[in-house]
All heavy atoms as atom14 arrays in JSON, in Angstrom:
{
  "sequence": "QDPDVIMVGEIRDKDTAEIAIRASLTGHLVFSTLHTNDAPGAITRL",
  "atom14_mask": [
    [1, 1, 1, 1, 1, 1, 1, 1, 1, 0, 0, 0, 0, 0],
    [1, 1, 1, 1, 1, 1, 1, 1, 0, 0, 0, 0, 0, 0],
    [1, 1, 1, 1, 1, 1, 1, 0, 0, 0, 0, 0, 0, 0],
    [1, 1, 1, 1, 1, 1, 1, 1, 0, 0, 0, 0, 0, 0],
    [1, 1, 1, 1, 1, 1, 1, 0, 0, 0, 0, 0, 0, 0],
    [1, 1, 1, 1, 1, 1, 1, 1, 0, 0, 0, 0, 0, 0],
    [1, 1, 1, 1, 1, 1, 1, 1, 0, 0, 0, 0, 0, 0],
    [1, 1, 1, 1, 1, 1, 1, 0, 0, 0, 0, 0, 0, 0],
    [1, 1, 1, 1, 0, 0, 0, 0, 0, 0, 0, 0, 0, 0],
    [1, 1, 1, 1, 1, 1, 1, 1, 1, 0, 0, 0, 0, 0],
    [1, 1, 1, 1, 1, 1, 1, 1, 0, 0, 0, 0, 0, 0],
    [1, 1, 1, 1, 1, 1, 1, 1, 1, 1, 1, 0, 0, 0],
    [1, 1, 1, 1, 1, 1, 1, 1, 0, 0, 0, 0, 0, 0],
    [1, 1, 1, 1, 1, 1, 1, 1, 1, 0, 0, 0, 0, 0],
    [1, 1, 1, 1, 1, 1, 1, 1, 0, 0, 0, 0, 0, 0],
    [1, 1, 1, 1, 1, 1, 1, 0, 0, 0, 0, 0, 0, 0],
    [1, 1, 1, 1, 1, 0, 0, 0, 0, 0, 0, 0, 0, 0],
    [1, 1, 1, 1, 1, 1, 1, 1, 1, 0, 0, 0, 0, 0],
    [1, 1, 1, 1, 1, 1, 1, 1, 0, 0, 0, 0, 0, 0],
    [1, 1, 1, 1, 1, 0, 0, 0, 0, 0, 0, 0, 0, 0],
    [1, 1, 1, 1, 1, 1, 1, 1, 0, 0, 0, 0, 0, 0],
    [1, 1, 1, 1, 1, 1, 1, 1, 1, 1, 1, 0, 0, 0],
    [1, 1, 1, 1, 1, 0, 0, 0, 0, 0, 0, 0, 0, 0],
    [1, 1, 1, 1, 1, 1, 0, 0, 0, 0, 0, 0, 0, 0],
    [1, 1, 1, 1, 1, 1, 1, 1, 0, 0, 0, 0, 0, 0],
    [1, 1, 1, 1, 1, 1, 1, 0, 0, 0, 0, 0, 0, 0],
    [1, 1, 1, 1, 0, 0, 0, 0, 0, 0, 0, 0, 0, 0],
    [1, 1, 1, 1, 1, 1, 1, 1, 1, 1, 0, 0, 0, 0],
    [1, 1, 1, 1, 1, 1, 1, 1, 0, 0, 0, 0, 0, 0],
    [1, 1, 1, 1, 1, 1, 1, 0, 0, 0, 0, 0, 0, 0],
    [1, 1, 1, 1, 1, 1, 1, 1, 1, 1, 1, 0, 0, 0],
    [1, 1, 1, 1, 1, 1, 0, 0, 0, 0, 0, 0, 0, 0],
    [1, 1, 1, 1, 1, 1, 1, 0, 0, 0, 0, 0, 0, 0],
    [1, 1, 1, 1, 1, 1, 1, 1, 0, 0, 0, 0, 0, 0],
    [1, 1, 1, 1, 1, 1, 1, 1, 1, 1, 0, 0, 0, 0],
    [1, 1, 1, 1, 1, 1, 1, 0, 0, 0, 0, 0, 0, 0],
    [1, 1, 1, 1, 1, 1, 1, 1, 0, 0, 0, 0, 0, 0],
    [1, 1, 1, 1, 1, 1, 1, 1, 0, 0, 0, 0, 0, 0],
    [1, 1, 1, 1, 1, 0, 0, 0, 0, 0, 0, 0, 0, 0],
    [1, 1, 1, 1, 1, 1, 1, 0, 0, 0, 0, 0, 0, 0],
    [1, 1, 1, 1, 0, 0, 0, 0, 0, 0, 0, 0, 0, 0],
    [1, 1, 1, 1, 1, 0, 0, 0, 0, 0, 0, 0, 0, 0],
    [1, 1, 1, 1, 1, 1, 1, 1, 0, 0, 0, 0, 0, 0],
    [1, 1, 1, 1, 1, 1, 1, 0, 0, 0, 0, 0, 0, 0],
    [1, 1, 1, 1, 1, 1, 1, 1, 1, 1, 1, 0, 0, 0],
    [1, 1, 1, 1, 1, 1, 1, 1, 0, 0, 0, 0, 0, 0]
  ],
  "atom14_positions": [
    [[-191.29, -33.36, 16.56], [-192.3, -32.26, 16.76], [-192.54, -31.44, 15.39], [-193.08, -30.35, 15.59], [-191.87, -31.38, 17.91], [-191.95, -32.02, 19.25], [-193.3, -32.03, 19.96], [-194.01, -31.03, 19.8], [-193.78, -33.1, 20.34], [0.0, 0.0, 0.0], [0.0, 0.0, 0.0], [0.0, 0.0, 0.0], [0.0, 0.0, 0.0], [0.0, 0.0, 0.0]],
    [[-192.01, -31.94, 14.39], [-192.28, -31.28, 13.08], [-191.69, -29.71, 13.26], [-192.4, -28.81, 12.79], [-193.74, -31.17, 12.64], [-193.97, -30.57, 11.31], [-193.1, -30.85, 10.46], [-194.99, -30.03, 11.1], [0.0, 0.0, 0.0], [0.0, 0.0, 0.0], [0.0, 0.0, 0.0], [0.0, 0.0, 0.0], [0.0, 0.0, 0.0], [0.0, 0.0, 0.0]],
    [[-190.48, -29.58, 13.64], [-189.91, -28.19, 13.67], [-189.41, -27.73, 12.22], [-189.04, -28.62, 11.52], [-188.81, -28.32, 14.68], [-188.28, -29.64, 14.52], [-189.48, -30.58, 13.96], [0.0, 0.0, 0.0], [0.0, 0.0, 0.0], [0.0, 0.0, 0.0], [0.0, 0.0, 0.0], [0.0, 0.0, 0.0], [0.0, 0.0, 0.0], [0.0, 0.0, 0.0]],
    [[-189.43, -26.53, 12.02], [-188.76, -25.84, 10.9], [-187.32, -25.42, 11.34], [-186.33, -25.55, 10.58], [-189.52, -24.73, 10.23], [-190.88, -25.16, 9.7], [-190.91, -25.93, 8.77], [-191.98, -24.85, 10.28], [0.0, 0.0, 0.0], [0.0, 0.0, 0.0], [0.0, 0.0, 0.0], [0.0, 0.0, 0.0], [0.0, 0.0, 0.0], [0.0, 0.0, 0.0]],
    [[-187.25, -24.79, 12.57], [-186.02, -24.29, 12.96], [-185.88, -24.72, 14.47], [-186.82, -24.73, 15.28], [-186.07, -22.71, 12.97], [-184.81, -22.02, 13.51], [-186.35, -22.14, 11.61], [0.0, 0.0, 0.0], [0.0, 0.0, 0.0], [0.0, 0.0, 0.0], [0.0, 0.0, 0.0], [0.0, 0.0, 0.0], [0.0, 0.0, 0.0], [0.0, 0.0, 0.0]],
    [[-184.5, -25.25, 14.69], [-184.25, -25.73, 16.05], [-183.05, -24.88, 16.61], [-182.07, -24.67, 15.82], [-183.93, -27.11, 16.02], [-184.98, -27.98, 15.34], [-183.6, -27.7, 17.42], [-184.61, -29.49, 15.03], [0.0, 0.0, 0.0], [0.0, 0.0, 0.0], [0.0, 0.0, 0.0], [0.0, 0.0, 0.0], [0.0, 0.0, 0.0], [0.0, 0.0, 0.0]],
    [[-183.13, -24.44, 17.88], [-182.12, -23.76, 18.44], [-181.62, -24.66, 19.65], [-182.44, -24.96, 20.56], [-182.42, -22.38, 18.99], [-181.21, -21.6, 19.21], [-180.66, -21.72, 21.02], [-181.69, -20.37, 21.71], [0.0, 0.0, 0.0], [0.0, 0.0, 0.0], [0.0, 0.0, 0.0], [0.0, 0.0, 0.0], [0.0, 0.0, 0.0], [0.0, 0.0, 0.0]],
    [[-180.31, -25.12, 19.61], [-179.82, -25.97, 20.63], [-178.82, -24.96, 21.47], [-177.86, -24.59, 20.91], [-179.09, -27.21, 20.06], [-178.49, -28.14, 21.22], [-179.95, -27.91, 19.2], [0.0, 0.0, 0.0], [0.0, 0.0, 0.0], [0.0, 0.0, 0.0], [0.0, 0.0, 0.0], [0.0, 0.0, 0.0], [0.0, 0.0, 0.0], [0.0, 0.0, 0.0]],
    [[-179.01, -24.99, 22.69], [-178.34, -24.0, 23.54], [-176.75, -24.15, 23.34], [-176.0, -23.14, 23.28], [0.0, 0.0, 0.0], [0.0, 0.0, 0.0], [0.0, 0.0, 0.0], [0.0, 0.0, 0.0], [0.0, 0.0, 0.0], [0.0, 0.0, 0.0], [0.0, 0.0, 0.0], [0.0, 0.0, 0.0], [0.0, 0.0, 0.0], [0.0, 0.0, 0.0]],
    [[-176.29, -25.52, 23.36], [-174.82, -25.63, 23.27], [-174.51, -27.05, 22.89], [-175.3, -27.97, 23.2], [-174.25, -25.36, 24.6], [-172.71, -25.57, 24.61], [-172.09, -25.45, 25.99], [-172.75, -24.95, 26.85], [-170.93, -25.89, 26.18], [0.0, 0.0, 0.0], [0.0, 0.0, 0.0], [0.0, 0.0, 0.0], [0.0, 0.0, 0.0], [0.0, 0.0, 0.0]],
    [[-173.57, -27.18, 21.98], [-173.19, -28.53, 21.54], [-172.06, -28.97, 22.49], [-170.92, -28.37, 22.4], [-172.65, -28.62, 20.1], [-173.94, -28.36, 19.12], [-171.97, -29.95, 19.69], [-173.58, -28.28, 17.63], [0.0, 0.0, 0.0], [0.0, 0.0, 0.0], [0.0, 0.0, 0.0], [0.0, 0.0, 0.0], [0.0, 0.0, 0.0], [0.0, 0.0, 0.0]],
    [[-172.22, -29.81, 23.24], [-171.35, -30.25, 24.43], [-170.59, -31.54, 24.12], [-169.66, -31.85, 24.75], [-172.0, -30.35, 25.79], [-172.58, -28.93, 26.29], [-173.2, -29.05, 27.48], [-173.78, -27.73, 28.09], [-174.59, -27.67, 29.12], [-174.85, -28.72, 29.78], [-174.96, -26.39, 29.45], [0.0, 0.0, 0.0], [0.0, 0.0, 0.0], [0.0, 0.0, 0.0]],
    [[-171.14, -32.41, 23.44], [-170.75, -33.72, 23.18], [-170.94, -34.18, 21.67], [-171.67, -33.58, 20.95], [-171.21, -34.75, 24.17], [-172.76, -34.61, 24.21], [-173.35, -34.66, 23.1], [-173.28, -34.54, 25.31], [0.0, 0.0, 0.0], [0.0, 0.0, 0.0], [0.0, 0.0, 0.0], [0.0, 0.0, 0.0], [0.0, 0.0, 0.0], [0.0, 0.0, 0.0]],
    [[-170.38, -35.38, 21.33], [-170.48, -35.94, 20.11], [-171.97, -36.36, 19.72], [-172.42, -36.1, 18.64], [-169.63, -37.18, 19.98], [-169.64, -37.97, 18.63], [-168.82, -39.16, 18.62], [-168.94, -39.88, 17.22], [-168.35, -41.09, 17.12], [0.0, 0.0, 0.0], [0.0, 0.0, 0.0], [0.0, 0.0, 0.0], [0.0, 0.0, 0.0], [0.0, 0.0, 0.0]],
    [[-172.62, -36.84, 20.75], [-174.09, -37.28, 20.59], [-174.85, -36.08, 20.01], [-175.61, -36.17, 19.08], [-174.55, -37.87, 21.82], [-175.78, -38.75, 21.73], [-175.97, -39.14, 20.49], [-176.44, -39.18, 22.59], [0.0, 0.0, 0.0], [0.0, 0.0, 0.0], [0.0, 0.0, 0.0], [0.0, 0.0, 0.0], [0.0, 0.0, 0.0], [0.0, 0.0, 0.0]],
    [[-174.8, -34.94, 20.8], [-175.67, -33.83, 20.35], [-175.16, -33.3, 19.02], [-176.05, -32.93, 18.24], [-175.36, -32.7, 21.49], [-175.64, -33.1, 22.7], [-176.32, -31.47, 21.19], [0.0, 0.0, 0.0], [0.0, 0.0, 0.0], [0.0, 0.0, 0.0], [0.0, 0.0, 0.0], [0.0, 0.0, 0.0], [0.0, 0.0, 0.0], [0.0, 0.0, 0.0]],
    [[-173.87, -33.26, 18.74], [-173.45, -32.8, 17.48], [-173.79, -33.56, 16.43], [-174.36, -33.14, 15.34], [-171.79, -32.65, 17.57], [0.0, 0.0, 0.0], [0.0, 0.0, 0.0], [0.0, 0.0, 0.0], [0.0, 0.0, 0.0], [0.0, 0.0, 0.0], [0.0, 0.0, 0.0], [0.0, 0.0, 0.0], [0.0, 0.0, 0.0], [0.0, 0.0, 0.0]],
    [[-173.84, -34.92, 16.49], [-174.28, -35.76, 15.42], [-175.76, -35.56, 15.01], [-176.12, -35.48, 13.94], [-174.07, -37.27, 15.69], [-172.54, -37.71, 15.55], [-172.43, -39.23, 15.85], [-173.29, -39.78, 16.66], [-171.41, -39.84, 15.43], [0.0, 0.0, 0.0], [0.0, 0.0, 0.0], [0.0, 0.0, 0.0], [0.0, 0.0, 0.0], [0.0, 0.0, 0.0]],
    [[-176.59, -35.5, 16.14], [-178.08, -35.34, 15.98], [-178.36, -33.97, 15.31], [-179.17, -33.9, 14.35], [-178.73, -35.39, 17.29], [-178.6, -36.87, 18.01], [-180.19, -35.24, 17.09], [-179.01, -36.88, 19.45], [0.0, 0.0, 0.0], [0.0, 0.0, 0.0], [0.0, 0.0, 0.0], [0.0, 0.0, 0.0], [0.0, 0.0, 0.0], [0.0, 0.0, 0.0]],
    [[-177.64, -32.92, 15.73], [-177.8, -31.62, 15.21], [-177.46, -31.58, 13.68], [-178.11, -31.05, 12.88], [-177.01, -30.54, 15.96], [0.0, 0.0, 0.0], [0.0, 0.0, 0.0], [0.0, 0.0, 0.0], [0.0, 0.0, 0.0], [0.0, 0.0, 0.0], [0.0, 0.0, 0.0], [0.0, 0.0, 0.0], [0.0, 0.0, 0.0], [0.0, 0.0, 0.0]],
    [[-176.35, -32.25, 13.37], [-175.87, -32.21, 11.97], [-176.86, -33.03, 11.1], [-177.19, -32.6, 9.98], [-174.45, -32.81, 11.75], [-173.49, -31.67, 12.33], [-174.06, -33.25, 10.48], [-171.99, -32.19, 12.33], [0.0, 0.0, 0.0], [0.0, 0.0, 0.0], [0.0, 0.0, 0.0], [0.0, 0.0, 0.0], [0.0, 0.0, 0.0], [0.0, 0.0, 0.0]],
    [[-177.25, -34.1, 11.55], [-178.27, -34.96, 10.77], [-179.58, -34.24, 10.74], [-180.19, -34.41, 9.67], [-178.42, -36.35, 11.39], [-177.12, -37.12, 11.33], [-177.26, -38.55, 11.63], [-176.13, -39.4, 11.76], [-175.41, -39.74, 10.72], [-175.94, -39.51, 9.45], [-174.21, -40.45, 10.68], [0.0, 0.0, 0.0], [0.0, 0.0, 0.0], [0.0, 0.0, 0.0]],
    [[-179.94, -33.46, 11.72], [-181.24, -32.71, 11.61], [-181.09, -31.64, 10.47], [-182.06, -31.45, 9.66], [-181.51, -32.02, 12.93], [0.0, 0.0, 0.0], [0.0, 0.0, 0.0], [0.0, 0.0, 0.0], [0.0, 0.0, 0.0], [0.0, 0.0, 0.0], [0.0, 0.0, 0.0], [0.0, 0.0, 0.0], [0.0, 0.0, 0.0], [0.0, 0.0, 0.0]],
    [[-179.91, -30.94, 10.45], [-179.64, -29.99, 9.32], [-179.74, -30.61, 7.88], [-180.2, -29.93, 7.07], [-178.47, -29.24, 9.62], [-177.24, -30.09, 9.19], [0.0, 0.0, 0.0], [0.0, 0.0, 0.0], [0.0, 0.0, 0.0], [0.0, 0.0, 0.0], [0.0, 0.0, 0.0], [0.0, 0.0, 0.0], [0.0, 0.0, 0.0], [0.0, 0.0, 0.0]],
    [[-179.13, -31.74, 7.85], [-179.1, -32.54, 6.5], [-180.52, -33.05, 6.04], [-180.59, -33.44, 4.93], [-178.04, -33.56, 6.56], [-176.66, -33.18, 6.79], [-175.74, -34.4, 6.94], [-176.24, -32.27, 5.6], [0.0, 0.0, 0.0], [0.0, 0.0, 0.0], [0.0, 0.0, 0.0], [0.0, 0.0, 0.0], [0.0, 0.0, 0.0], [0.0, 0.0, 0.0]],
    [[-181.38, -33.24, 7.11], [-182.75, -33.69, 6.76], [-183.92, -32.57, 6.69], [-184.99, -32.78, 6.78], [-183.19, -34.71, 7.77], [-183.04, -34.1, 9.08], [-182.32, -36.01, 7.66], [0.0, 0.0, 0.0], [0.0, 0.0, 0.0], [0.0, 0.0, 0.0], [0.0, 0.0, 0.0], [0.0, 0.0, 0.0], [0.0, 0.0, 0.0], [0.0, 0.0, 0.0]],
    [[-183.33, -31.18, 6.51], [-184.24, -30.22, 6.1], [-184.6, -29.26, 7.29], [-185.61, -28.64, 7.15], [0.0, 0.0, 0.0], [0.0, 0.0, 0.0], [0.0, 0.0, 0.0], [0.0, 0.0, 0.0], [0.0, 0.0, 0.0], [0.0, 0.0, 0.0], [0.0, 0.0, 0.0], [0.0, 0.0, 0.0], [0.0, 0.0, 0.0], [0.0, 0.0, 0.0]],
    [[-183.77, -29.21, 8.23], [-183.99, -28.24, 9.42], [-182.92, -27.16, 9.46], [-181.65, -27.48, 9.29], [-184.07, -28.96, 10.7], [-185.0, -30.14, 10.76], [-184.78, -31.28, 10.33], [-186.37, -30.06, 11.18], [-185.82, -32.05, 10.54], [-186.83, -31.25, 10.95], [0.0, 0.0, 0.0], [0.0, 0.0, 0.0], [0.0, 0.0, 0.0], [0.0, 0.0, 0.0]],
    [[-183.31, -26.11, 9.8], [-182.32, -24.93, 10.14], [-182.01, -25.0, 11.53], [-182.84, -24.97, 12.48], [-182.93, -23.62, 9.77], [-181.85, -22.39, 9.91], [-180.69, -22.61, 8.98], [-182.61, -21.1, 9.55], [0.0, 0.0, 0.0], [0.0, 0.0, 0.0], [0.0, 0.0, 0.0], [0.0, 0.0, 0.0], [0.0, 0.0, 0.0], [0.0, 0.0, 0.0]],
    [[-180.76, -25.35, 11.82], [-180.3, -25.35, 13.34], [-179.37, -24.4, 13.7], [-178.49, -24.04, 13.03], [-179.48, -26.8, 13.44], [-179.2, -27.04, 14.79], [-180.49, -28.0, 13.03], [0.0, 0.0, 0.0], [0.0, 0.0, 0.0], [0.0, 0.0, 0.0], [0.0, 0.0, 0.0], [0.0, 0.0, 0.0], [0.0, 0.0, 0.0], [0.0, 0.0, 0.0]],
    [[-179.6, -23.73, 14.97], [-178.68, -22.77, 15.49], [-178.1, -23.48, 16.76], [-178.72, -24.12, 17.52], [-179.46, -21.44, 16.06], [-180.13, -20.66, 14.98], [-181.16, -19.92, 15.27], [-179.78, -20.79, 13.66], [-181.82, -19.2, 14.21], [-180.33, -20.06, 12.65], [-181.37, -19.33, 12.87], [0.0, 0.0, 0.0], [0.0, 0.0, 0.0], [0.0, 0.0, 0.0]],
    [[-176.82, -23.07, 17.03], [-176.22, -23.66, 18.23], [-174.93, -22.79, 18.56], [-174.57, -22.05, 17.87], [-175.88, -25.14, 18.14], [-175.64, -25.73, 19.53], [0.0, 0.0, 0.0], [0.0, 0.0, 0.0], [0.0, 0.0, 0.0], [0.0, 0.0, 0.0], [0.0, 0.0, 0.0], [0.0, 0.0, 0.0], [0.0, 0.0, 0.0], [0.0, 0.0, 0.0]],
    [[-174.36, -23.17, 19.58], [-173.07, -22.57, 20.12], [-171.99, -23.6, 20.5], [-172.28, -24.75, 20.79], [-173.26, -21.74, 21.33], [-173.59, -22.59, 22.53], [-174.4, -20.78, 21.33], [0.0, 0.0, 0.0], [0.0, 0.0, 0.0], [0.0, 0.0, 0.0], [0.0, 0.0, 0.0], [0.0, 0.0, 0.0], [0.0, 0.0, 0.0], [0.0, 0.0, 0.0]],
    [[-170.75, -23.1, 20.36], [-169.57, -24.01, 20.8], [-168.57, -22.99, 21.46], [-168.56, -21.81, 21.24], [-168.85, -24.41, 19.51], [-169.25, -25.9, 18.94], [-168.43, -26.18, 17.68], [-168.99, -26.93, 19.94], [0.0, 0.0, 0.0], [0.0, 0.0, 0.0], [0.0, 0.0, 0.0], [0.0, 0.0, 0.0], [0.0, 0.0, 0.0], [0.0, 0.0, 0.0]],
    [[-167.74, -23.7, 22.24], [-166.63, -22.89, 22.94], [-165.26, -23.0, 22.14], [-164.65, -24.08, 22.28], [-166.51, -23.28, 24.38], [-167.59, -23.05, 25.19], [-167.76, -21.75, 25.76], [-168.68, -23.74, 25.76], [-168.83, -21.7, 26.49], [-169.49, -22.9, 26.53], [0.0, 0.0, 0.0], [0.0, 0.0, 0.0], [0.0, 0.0, 0.0], [0.0, 0.0, 0.0]],
    [[-165.1, -22.05, 21.23], [-163.72, -22.17, 20.56], [-163.34, -20.66, 20.47], [-164.02, -19.67, 20.64], [-163.86, -22.61, 19.12], [-164.89, -21.83, 18.35], [-164.35, -24.12, 19.15], [0.0, 0.0, 0.0], [0.0, 0.0, 0.0], [0.0, 0.0, 0.0], [0.0, 0.0, 0.0], [0.0, 0.0, 0.0], [0.0, 0.0, 0.0], [0.0, 0.0, 0.0]],
    [[-161.84, -20.45, 20.24], [-161.39, -19.08, 20.32], [-161.7, -18.32, 19.0], [-161.85, -17.11, 19.01], [-159.87, -19.16, 20.47], [-159.53, -19.55, 21.95], [-160.21, -19.22, 22.84], [-158.33, -20.24, 22.0], [0.0, 0.0, 0.0], [0.0, 0.0, 0.0], [0.0, 0.0, 0.0], [0.0, 0.0, 0.0], [0.0, 0.0, 0.0], [0.0, 0.0, 0.0]],
    [[-161.89, -18.96, 17.89], [-162.15, -18.26, 16.66], [-163.05, -19.14, 15.82], [-163.57, -20.26, 16.21], [-160.9, -18.01, 15.84], [-159.96, -19.33, 15.6], [-160.77, -20.29, 15.7], [-158.93, -19.16, 15.15], [0.0, 0.0, 0.0], [0.0, 0.0, 0.0], [0.0, 0.0, 0.0], [0.0, 0.0, 0.0], [0.0, 0.0, 0.0], [0.0, 0.0, 0.0]],
    [[-163.63, -18.46, 14.65], [-164.61, -19.15, 13.87], [-164.12, -20.42, 13.18], [-164.76, -21.5, 13.25], [-165.19, -18.14, 12.92], [0.0, 0.0, 0.0], [0.0, 0.0, 0.0], [0.0, 0.0, 0.0], [0.0, 0.0, 0.0], [0.0, 0.0, 0.0], [0.0, 0.0, 0.0], [0.0, 0.0, 0.0], [0.0, 0.0, 0.0], [0.0, 0.0, 0.0]],
    [[-162.96, -20.48, 12.43], [-162.49, -21.61, 11.88], [-162.24, -22.73, 12.82], [-162.3, -24.03, 12.46], [-161.24, -21.23, 11.16], [-161.3, -19.75, 10.97], [-162.1, -19.3, 12.27], [0.0, 0.0, 0.0], [0.0, 0.0, 0.0], [0.0, 0.0, 0.0], [0.0, 0.0, 0.0], [0.0, 0.0, 0.0], [0.0, 0.0, 0.0], [0.0, 0.0, 0.0]],
    [[-162.03, -22.45, 14.17], [-161.76, -23.53, 15.21], [-162.96, -24.39, 15.38], [-162.84, -25.46, 15.88], [0.0, 0.0, 0.0], [0.0, 0.0, 0.0], [0.0, 0.0, 0.0], [0.0, 0.0, 0.0], [0.0, 0.0, 0.0], [0.0, 0.0, 0.0], [0.0, 0.0, 0.0], [0.0, 0.0, 0.0], [0.0, 0.0, 0.0], [0.0, 0.0, 0.0]],
    [[-164.17, -23.88, 15.08], [-165.38, -24.68, 15.24], [-165.39, -25.96, 14.33], [-165.85, -26.99, 14.81], [-166.62, -23.79, 15.07], [0.0, 0.0, 0.0], [0.0, 0.0, 0.0], [0.0, 0.0, 0.0], [0.0, 0.0, 0.0], [0.0, 0.0, 0.0], [0.0, 0.0, 0.0], [0.0, 0.0, 0.0], [0.0, 0.0, 0.0], [0.0, 0.0, 0.0]],
    [[-164.83, -25.75, 13.15], [-164.81, -26.8, 12.2], [-163.94, -27.99, 12.8], [-164.35, -29.08, 12.88], [-164.33, -26.4, 10.84], [-165.15, -25.15, 10.38], [-164.33, -27.54, 9.91], [-166.63, -25.59, 10.12], [0.0, 0.0, 0.0], [0.0, 0.0, 0.0], [0.0, 0.0, 0.0], [0.0, 0.0, 0.0], [0.0, 0.0, 0.0], [0.0, 0.0, 0.0]],
    [[-162.86, -27.61, 13.24], [-161.9, -28.7, 13.67], [-162.34, -29.23, 15.02], [-162.04, -30.34, 15.23], [-160.33, -28.11, 13.76], [-160.54, -26.85, 14.56], [-159.73, -27.76, 12.45], [0.0, 0.0, 0.0], [0.0, 0.0, 0.0], [0.0, 0.0, 0.0], [0.0, 0.0, 0.0], [0.0, 0.0, 0.0], [0.0, 0.0, 0.0], [0.0, 0.0, 0.0]],
    [[-163.01, -28.35, 15.85], [-163.61, -28.92, 17.05], [-164.56, -29.94, 16.82], [-164.57, -31.09, 17.59], [-164.16, -27.79, 17.91], [-164.94, -28.16, 19.19], [-164.03, -28.71, 20.2], [-162.92, -27.89, 20.57], [-163.08, -26.82, 21.4], [-164.18, -26.66, 22.09], [-162.02, -26.02, 21.71], [0.0, 0.0, 0.0], [0.0, 0.0, 0.0], [0.0, 0.0, 0.0]],
    [[-165.4, -29.82, 15.86], [-166.49, -30.88, 15.62], [-165.69, -32.19, 14.95], [-166.15, -33.25, 15.32], [-167.4, -30.44, 14.55], [-168.37, -29.25, 15.09], [-169.26, -28.66, 13.88], [-169.34, -29.86, 16.01], [0.0, 0.0, 0.0], [0.0, 0.0, 0.0], [0.0, 0.0, 0.0], [0.0, 0.0, 0.0], [0.0, 0.0, 0.0], [0.0, 0.0, 0.0]]
  ]
}
């Protein structure tokens, strides 16, 4: 849909995470959420 910015309500699985990451690497700004206790934990969760 030719977006500049995408907001994904929640990254729940590997499929969503992979698509979101590849979207960011191809020129999109992506917002999303994860369920982790702290900020560094989001990296290891992915």
